[in-house]
Amino acid sequence: MSMKQHLKVMIVDDQRTSRMLIRDALDQLGIQNIVTAEDGEQALKAMMASPCHIIISDFNMPKLDGLQLLQAIRSYGPTKKTPFIILSGRGNKELVQKAAALGVNNFLVKPISVPVLQKTIEAVVGRLQ
């Protein structure tokens, strides 16, 4: 079984369109085990119930933004080392620095392309093939 066949990915974004676009990109990469959450609070509850292998989270969201979610994930033993990628609509140096200080694994600026998403995921979890 290849990495992409067992990889469970959580998409966290308050914008339905963004969740659909990321989900479509993951589908194109052959990743089928995808969970979605509309905000950081919903994502945290889902992670506590059934952890994912990787989290791709928007930065700006109600009920826990991306940095608050990252901080919560990093402070909980079972999810402490879960790879975390933050998405933002703009390349904000201050956001990148704060996320890095909290232990983010990678950072993407929207809109994202399938090749960039693949490269970013592989940088944190290894080759998908």
N, C-alpha and C. Protein backbone atom coordinates (compact mmCIF):
# COMPACT_ATOMS: atom_id res chain seq x y z
N MET A 1 0.85 -1.18 0.00
CA MET A 1 0.00 0.00 0.00
C MET A 1 0.89 1.25 0.00
N SER A 2 0.62 2.18 -0.91
CA SER A 2 1.44 3.39 -0.99
C SER A 2 1.02 4.38 0.08
N MET A 3 1.88 5.35 0.30
CA MET A 3 1.62 6.39 1.29
C MET A 3 0.27 7.07 1.03
N LYS A 4 0.00 7.41 -0.23
CA LYS A 4 -1.23 8.16 -0.51
C LYS A 4 -2.49 7.34 -0.28
N GLN A 5 -2.39 6.03 -0.27
CA GLN A 5 -3.57 5.19 -0.05
C GLN A 5 -3.96 5.11 1.42
N HIS A 6 -3.02 5.32 2.32
CA HIS A 6 -3.38 5.24 3.74
C HIS A 6 -3.36 6.60 4.45
N LEU A 7 -2.83 7.62 3.78
CA LEU A 7 -2.70 8.94 4.37
C LEU A 7 -4.08 9.57 4.64
N LYS A 8 -4.31 9.97 5.89
CA LYS A 8 -5.56 10.64 6.27
C LYS A 8 -5.25 12.12 6.44
N VAL A 9 -5.89 12.94 5.61
CA VAL A 9 -5.61 14.38 5.58
C VAL A 9 -6.83 15.17 6.05
N MET A 10 -6.60 16.15 6.92
CA MET A 10 -7.68 17.04 7.35
C MET A 10 -7.48 18.40 6.70
N ILE A 11 -8.55 18.90 6.08
CA ILE A 11 -8.57 20.25 5.51
C ILE A 11 -9.40 21.11 6.46
N VAL A 12 -8.83 22.22 6.90
CA VAL A 12 -9.54 23.12 7.81
C VAL A 12 -9.60 24.50 7.15
N ASP A 13 -10.81 24.92 6.79
CA ASP A 13 -11.00 26.22 6.15
C ASP A 13 -12.45 26.62 6.30
N ASP A 14 -12.68 27.86 6.66
CA ASP A 14 -14.07 28.32 6.84
C ASP A 14 -14.76 28.62 5.51
N GLN A 15 -13.99 28.67 4.42
CA GLN A 15 -14.57 28.91 3.10
C GLN A 15 -14.80 27.59 2.38
N ARG A 16 -16.06 27.29 2.09
CA ARG A 16 -16.42 26.03 1.44
C ARG A 16 -15.68 25.85 0.11
N THR A 17 -15.58 26.92 -0.66
CA THR A 17 -14.90 26.86 -1.96
C THR A 17 -13.44 26.45 -1.80
N SER A 18 -12.77 27.03 -0.81
CA SER A 18 -11.37 26.67 -0.56
C SER A 18 -11.23 25.20 -0.18
N ARG A 19 -12.14 24.73 0.70
CA ARG A 19 -12.10 23.31 1.09
C ARG A 19 -12.27 22.42 -0.14
N MET A 20 -13.20 22.80 -1.02
CA MET A 20 -13.46 21.99 -2.22
C MET A 20 -12.24 21.99 -3.16
N LEU A 21 -11.60 23.15 -3.33
CA LEU A 21 -10.43 23.23 -4.21
C LEU A 21 -9.27 22.39 -3.68
N ILE A 22 -9.04 22.45 -2.37
CA ILE A 22 -7.96 21.65 -1.78
C ILE A 22 -8.30 20.17 -1.87
N ARG A 23 -9.56 19.83 -1.60
CA ARG A 23 -9.99 18.44 -1.69
C ARG A 23 -9.80 17.91 -3.12
N ASP A 24 -10.14 18.73 -4.11
CA ASP A 24 -9.97 18.34 -5.51
C ASP A 24 -8.49 18.11 -5.82
N ALA A 25 -7.63 18.99 -5.32
CA ALA A 25 -6.19 18.82 -5.55
C ALA A 25 -5.68 17.53 -4.90
N LEU A 26 -6.15 17.25 -3.69
CA LEU A 26 -5.76 16.00 -3.02
C LEU A 26 -6.27 14.78 -3.79
N ASP A 27 -7.50 14.87 -4.31
CA ASP A 27 -8.05 13.79 -5.14
C ASP A 27 -7.15 13.54 -6.35
N GLN A 28 -6.69 14.63 -6.97
CA GLN A 28 -5.82 14.50 -8.15
C GLN A 28 -4.49 13.83 -7.79
N LEU A 29 -4.09 13.97 -6.54
CA LEU A 29 -2.86 13.32 -6.07
C LEU A 29 -3.09 11.87 -5.65
N GLY A 30 -4.36 11.44 -5.68
CA GLY A 30 -4.68 10.07 -5.32
C GLY A 30 -4.94 9.88 -3.84
N ILE A 31 -5.05 10.97 -3.09
CA ILE A 31 -5.34 10.89 -1.66
C ILE A 31 -6.86 10.86 -1.50
N GLN A 32 -7.36 9.80 -0.88
CA GLN A 32 -8.80 9.62 -0.80
C GLN A 32 -9.36 9.73 0.61
N ASN A 33 -8.54 9.56 1.62
CA ASN A 33 -9.00 9.62 3.00
C ASN A 33 -8.88 11.07 3.49
N ILE A 34 -9.94 11.86 3.22
CA ILE A 34 -9.93 13.29 3.48
C ILE A 34 -11.06 13.65 4.45
N VAL A 35 -10.72 14.40 5.47
CA VAL A 35 -11.68 14.89 6.46
C VAL A 35 -11.67 16.41 6.36
N THR A 36 -12.84 17.04 6.52
CA THR A 36 -12.87 18.50 6.47
C THR A 36 -13.47 19.08 7.76
N ALA A 37 -13.05 20.31 8.06
CA ALA A 37 -13.59 21.05 9.20
C ALA A 37 -13.75 22.50 8.77
N GLU A 38 -14.78 23.14 9.31
CA GLU A 38 -15.08 24.52 8.91
C GLU A 38 -14.36 25.57 9.77
N ASP A 39 -13.80 25.15 10.88
CA ASP A 39 -13.06 26.08 11.73
C ASP A 39 -12.13 25.29 12.64
N GLY A 40 -11.27 26.02 13.34
CA GLY A 40 -10.29 25.37 14.19
C GLY A 40 -10.89 24.56 15.33
N GLU A 41 -11.99 25.05 15.87
CA GLU A 41 -12.64 24.35 16.98
C GLU A 41 -13.17 22.98 16.51
N GLN A 42 -13.82 22.97 15.36
CA GLN A 42 -14.35 21.72 14.80
C GLN A 42 -13.18 20.76 14.48
N ALA A 43 -12.11 21.31 13.95
CA ALA A 43 -10.94 20.50 13.61
C ALA A 43 -10.32 19.87 14.86
N LEU A 44 -10.21 20.65 15.92
CA LEU A 44 -9.62 20.15 17.16
C LEU A 44 -10.44 19.00 17.73
N LYS A 45 -11.75 19.16 17.74
CA LYS A 45 -12.64 18.09 18.22
C LYS A 45 -12.47 16.83 17.38
N ALA A 46 -12.40 16.99 16.07
CA ALA A 46 -12.23 15.84 15.17
C ALA A 46 -10.89 15.16 15.40
N MET A 47 -9.83 15.95 15.62
CA MET A 47 -8.50 15.38 15.86
C MET A 47 -8.45 14.61 17.18
N MET A 48 -9.18 15.09 18.18
CA MET A 48 -9.21 14.40 19.47
C MET A 48 -9.95 13.06 19.34
N ALA A 49 -10.97 13.04 18.49
CA ALA A 49 -11.76 11.82 18.30
C ALA A 49 -11.04 10.81 17.42
N SER A 50 -10.41 11.28 16.35
CA SER A 50 -9.76 10.39 15.39
C SER A 50 -8.65 11.15 14.67
N PRO A 51 -7.41 11.09 15.19
CA PRO A 51 -6.31 11.86 14.61
C PRO A 51 -6.05 11.57 13.13
N CYS A 52 -5.62 12.60 12.43
CA CYS A 52 -5.24 12.50 11.02
C CYS A 52 -3.73 12.45 10.92
N HIS A 53 -3.22 12.11 9.74
CA HIS A 53 -1.77 12.06 9.53
C HIS A 53 -1.19 13.43 9.21
N ILE A 54 -2.03 14.32 8.67
CA ILE A 54 -1.57 15.65 8.28
C ILE A 54 -2.74 16.62 8.33
N ILE A 55 -2.46 17.86 8.70
CA ILE A 55 -3.48 18.92 8.74
C ILE A 55 -3.07 20.02 7.78
N ILE A 56 -4.01 20.43 6.93
CA ILE A 56 -3.81 21.57 6.05
C ILE A 56 -4.86 22.60 6.49
N SER A 57 -4.40 23.68 7.11
CA SER A 57 -5.32 24.62 7.74
C SER A 57 -5.15 26.05 7.23
N ASP A 58 -6.27 26.69 7.00
CA ASP A 58 -6.28 28.11 6.68
C ASP A 58 -5.82 28.88 7.92
N PHE A 59 -5.36 30.09 7.73
CA PHE A 59 -4.96 30.91 8.86
C PHE A 59 -6.16 31.66 9.44
N ASN A 60 -6.88 32.41 8.60
CA ASN A 60 -7.99 33.23 9.08
C ASN A 60 -9.27 32.42 9.16
N MET A 61 -9.73 32.15 10.40
CA MET A 61 -10.97 31.41 10.62
C MET A 61 -11.59 31.84 11.95
N PRO A 62 -12.91 31.69 12.05
CA PRO A 62 -13.55 31.94 13.35
C PRO A 62 -13.30 30.75 14.28
N LYS A 63 -13.57 30.89 15.54
CA LYS A 63 -13.48 29.79 16.53
C LYS A 63 -12.15 29.06 16.44
N LEU A 64 -11.09 29.68 16.73
CA LEU A 64 -9.70 29.20 16.66
C LEU A 64 -9.16 29.43 15.25
N ASP A 65 -8.25 30.36 15.10
CA ASP A 65 -7.62 30.55 13.79
C ASP A 65 -6.53 29.49 13.60
N GLY A 66 -5.84 29.54 12.48
CA GLY A 66 -4.83 28.54 12.19
C GLY A 66 -3.72 28.44 13.22
N LEU A 67 -3.27 29.60 13.72
CA LEU A 67 -2.20 29.59 14.73
C LEU A 67 -2.69 29.02 16.06
N GLN A 68 -3.91 29.37 16.44
CA GLN A 68 -4.47 28.83 17.69
C GLN A 68 -4.67 27.33 17.58
N LEU A 69 -5.12 26.86 16.41
CA LEU A 69 -5.28 25.42 16.19
C LEU A 69 -3.92 24.74 16.24
N LEU A 70 -2.94 25.30 15.59
CA LEU A 70 -1.58 24.74 15.62
C LEU A 70 -1.07 24.63 17.05
N GLN A 71 -1.27 25.68 17.82
CA GLN A 71 -0.82 25.68 19.22
C GLN A 71 -1.52 24.58 20.02
N ALA A 72 -2.82 24.41 19.81
CA ALA A 72 -3.58 23.38 20.51
C ALA A 72 -3.11 21.98 20.10
N ILE A 73 -2.87 21.79 18.81
CA ILE A 73 -2.40 20.49 18.29
C ILE A 73 -1.04 20.16 18.88
N ARG A 74 -0.15 21.15 18.94
CA ARG A 74 1.20 20.94 19.47
C ARG A 74 1.22 20.71 20.98
N SER A 75 0.18 21.12 21.67
CA SER A 75 0.18 20.98 23.13
C SER A 75 -0.51 19.70 23.61
N TYR A 76 -1.06 18.92 22.69
CA TYR A 76 -1.78 17.69 23.05
C TYR A 76 -0.94 16.48 22.65
N GLY A 77 -0.55 15.68 23.60
CA GLY A 77 0.36 14.54 23.38
C GLY A 77 0.14 13.73 22.12
N PRO A 78 -1.05 13.13 21.92
CA PRO A 78 -1.26 12.26 20.76
C PRO A 78 -1.16 12.97 19.40
N THR A 79 -1.33 14.30 19.37
CA THR A 79 -1.29 15.01 18.09
C THR A 79 -0.06 15.93 17.98
N LYS A 80 0.76 15.92 18.99
CA LYS A 80 1.90 16.83 19.10
C LYS A 80 2.80 16.88 17.86
N LYS A 81 3.01 15.73 17.23
CA LYS A 81 3.93 15.66 16.09
C LYS A 81 3.21 15.60 14.73
N THR A 82 1.90 15.80 14.73
CA THR A 82 1.14 15.76 13.48
C THR A 82 1.63 16.84 12.52
N PRO A 83 2.03 16.47 11.30
CA PRO A 83 2.45 17.48 10.32
C PRO A 83 1.33 18.50 10.08
N PHE A 84 1.69 19.77 10.07
CA PHE A 84 0.74 20.87 9.98
C PHE A 84 1.21 21.86 8.93
N ILE A 85 0.34 22.12 7.96
CA ILE A 85 0.62 23.08 6.89
C ILE A 85 -0.39 24.22 7.02
N ILE A 86 0.09 25.45 7.08
CA ILE A 86 -0.80 26.61 7.18
C ILE A 86 -0.95 27.24 5.80
N LEU A 87 -2.21 27.61 5.47
CA LEU A 87 -2.54 28.29 4.22
C LEU A 87 -2.89 29.74 4.53
N SER A 88 -2.51 30.63 3.64
CA SER A 88 -2.90 32.02 3.79
C SER A 88 -3.15 32.62 2.42
N GLY A 89 -3.97 33.63 2.40
CA GLY A 89 -4.26 34.31 1.14
C GLY A 89 -3.13 35.23 0.70
N ARG A 90 -2.18 35.46 1.58
CA ARG A 90 -1.05 36.32 1.24
C ARG A 90 0.20 35.84 1.98
N GLY A 91 1.33 36.11 1.42
CA GLY A 91 2.60 35.74 2.05
C GLY A 91 2.95 36.76 3.12
N ASN A 92 2.56 36.51 4.35
CA ASN A 92 2.75 37.43 5.46
C ASN A 92 3.95 36.98 6.29
N LYS A 93 5.01 37.77 6.26
CA LYS A 93 6.26 37.38 6.94
C LYS A 93 6.04 37.17 8.45
N GLU A 94 5.25 38.05 9.07
CA GLU A 94 4.99 37.94 10.51
C GLU A 94 4.24 36.64 10.83
N LEU A 95 3.25 36.30 9.99
CA LEU A 95 2.49 35.06 10.17
C LEU A 95 3.41 33.86 10.04
N VAL A 96 4.27 33.87 9.04
CA VAL A 96 5.21 32.76 8.84
C VAL A 96 6.12 32.60 10.06
N GLN A 97 6.60 33.71 10.59
CA GLN A 97 7.48 33.66 11.76
C GLN A 97 6.75 33.12 13.00
N LYS A 98 5.51 33.57 13.21
CA LYS A 98 4.72 33.08 14.36
C LYS A 98 4.44 31.59 14.21
N ALA A 99 4.06 31.19 12.99
CA ALA A 99 3.76 29.78 12.74
C ALA A 99 5.01 28.92 12.95
N ALA A 100 6.16 29.41 12.48
CA ALA A 100 7.42 28.67 12.65
C ALA A 100 7.76 28.52 14.13
N ALA A 101 7.52 29.56 14.91
CA ALA A 101 7.80 29.51 16.35
C ALA A 101 6.91 28.48 17.04
N LEU A 102 5.71 28.25 16.50
CA LEU A 102 4.78 27.28 17.08
C LEU A 102 5.00 25.86 16.55
N GLY A 103 5.90 25.71 15.58
CA GLY A 103 6.22 24.38 15.08
C GLY A 103 5.49 23.96 13.82
N VAL A 104 5.07 24.92 12.99
CA VAL A 104 4.42 24.56 11.73
C VAL A 104 5.43 23.82 10.85
N ASN A 105 4.94 22.88 10.05
CA ASN A 105 5.84 22.12 9.17
C ASN A 105 6.06 22.79 7.82
N ASN A 106 5.03 23.54 7.36
CA ASN A 106 5.17 24.20 6.06
C ASN A 106 4.10 25.27 5.93
N PHE A 107 4.22 26.09 4.91
CA PHE A 107 3.35 27.23 4.70
C PHE A 107 3.05 27.35 3.21
N LEU A 108 1.79 27.55 2.86
CA LEU A 108 1.38 27.72 1.47
C LEU A 108 0.57 29.00 1.30
N VAL A 109 0.77 29.68 0.18
CA VAL A 109 -0.02 30.86 -0.15
C VAL A 109 -1.06 30.46 -1.19
N LYS A 110 -2.33 30.81 -0.92
CA LYS A 110 -3.41 30.52 -1.86
C LYS A 110 -3.33 31.48 -3.04
N PRO A 111 -3.79 31.11 -4.22
CA PRO A 111 -4.29 29.77 -4.56
C PRO A 111 -3.13 28.80 -4.74
N ILE A 112 -3.41 27.53 -4.50
CA ILE A 112 -2.36 26.52 -4.61
C ILE A 112 -2.58 25.66 -5.84
N SER A 113 -1.50 25.19 -6.40
CA SER A 113 -1.57 24.28 -7.55
C SER A 113 -1.33 22.86 -7.06
N VAL A 114 -1.74 21.90 -7.84
CA VAL A 114 -1.56 20.49 -7.47
C VAL A 114 -0.07 20.16 -7.30
N PRO A 115 0.82 20.56 -8.24
CA PRO A 115 2.24 20.24 -8.05
C PRO A 115 2.84 20.86 -6.78
N VAL A 116 2.44 22.09 -6.46
CA VAL A 116 2.96 22.75 -5.25
C VAL A 116 2.44 22.03 -4.02
N LEU A 117 1.17 21.65 -4.03
CA LEU A 117 0.60 20.92 -2.89
C LEU A 117 1.32 19.59 -2.71
N GLN A 118 1.55 18.88 -3.80
CA GLN A 118 2.26 17.60 -3.71
C GLN A 118 3.65 17.78 -3.13
N LYS A 119 4.37 18.75 -3.62
CA LYS A 119 5.73 19.01 -3.15
C LYS A 119 5.73 19.36 -1.65
N THR A 120 4.74 20.16 -1.24
CA THR A 120 4.65 20.58 0.16
C THR A 120 4.33 19.40 1.08
N ILE A 121 3.37 18.57 0.67
CA ILE A 121 3.01 17.39 1.46
C ILE A 121 4.19 16.43 1.54
N GLU A 122 4.85 16.19 0.40
CA GLU A 122 5.99 15.28 0.40
C GLU A 122 7.15 15.80 1.24
N ALA A 123 7.27 17.12 1.36
CA ALA A 123 8.33 17.69 2.20
C ALA A 123 8.11 17.36 3.67
N VAL A 124 6.85 17.15 4.07
CA VAL A 124 6.59 16.85 5.49
C VAL A 124 6.31 15.39 5.80
N VAL A 125 5.83 14.62 4.83
CA VAL A 125 5.52 13.21 5.13
C VAL A 125 6.26 12.19 4.26
N GLY A 126 7.00 12.66 3.26
CA GLY A 126 7.71 11.75 2.37
C GLY A 126 6.96 11.54 1.06
N ARG A 127 7.58 10.83 0.16
CA ARG A 127 6.99 10.61 -1.17
C ARG A 127 5.63 9.94 -1.09
N LEU A 128 4.72 10.41 -1.95
CA LEU A 128 3.37 9.88 -1.96
C LEU A 128 3.25 8.61 -2.80
N GLN A 129 4.24 8.31 -3.62
CA GLN A 129 4.13 7.15 -4.51
C GLN A 129 4.18 5.87 -3.77
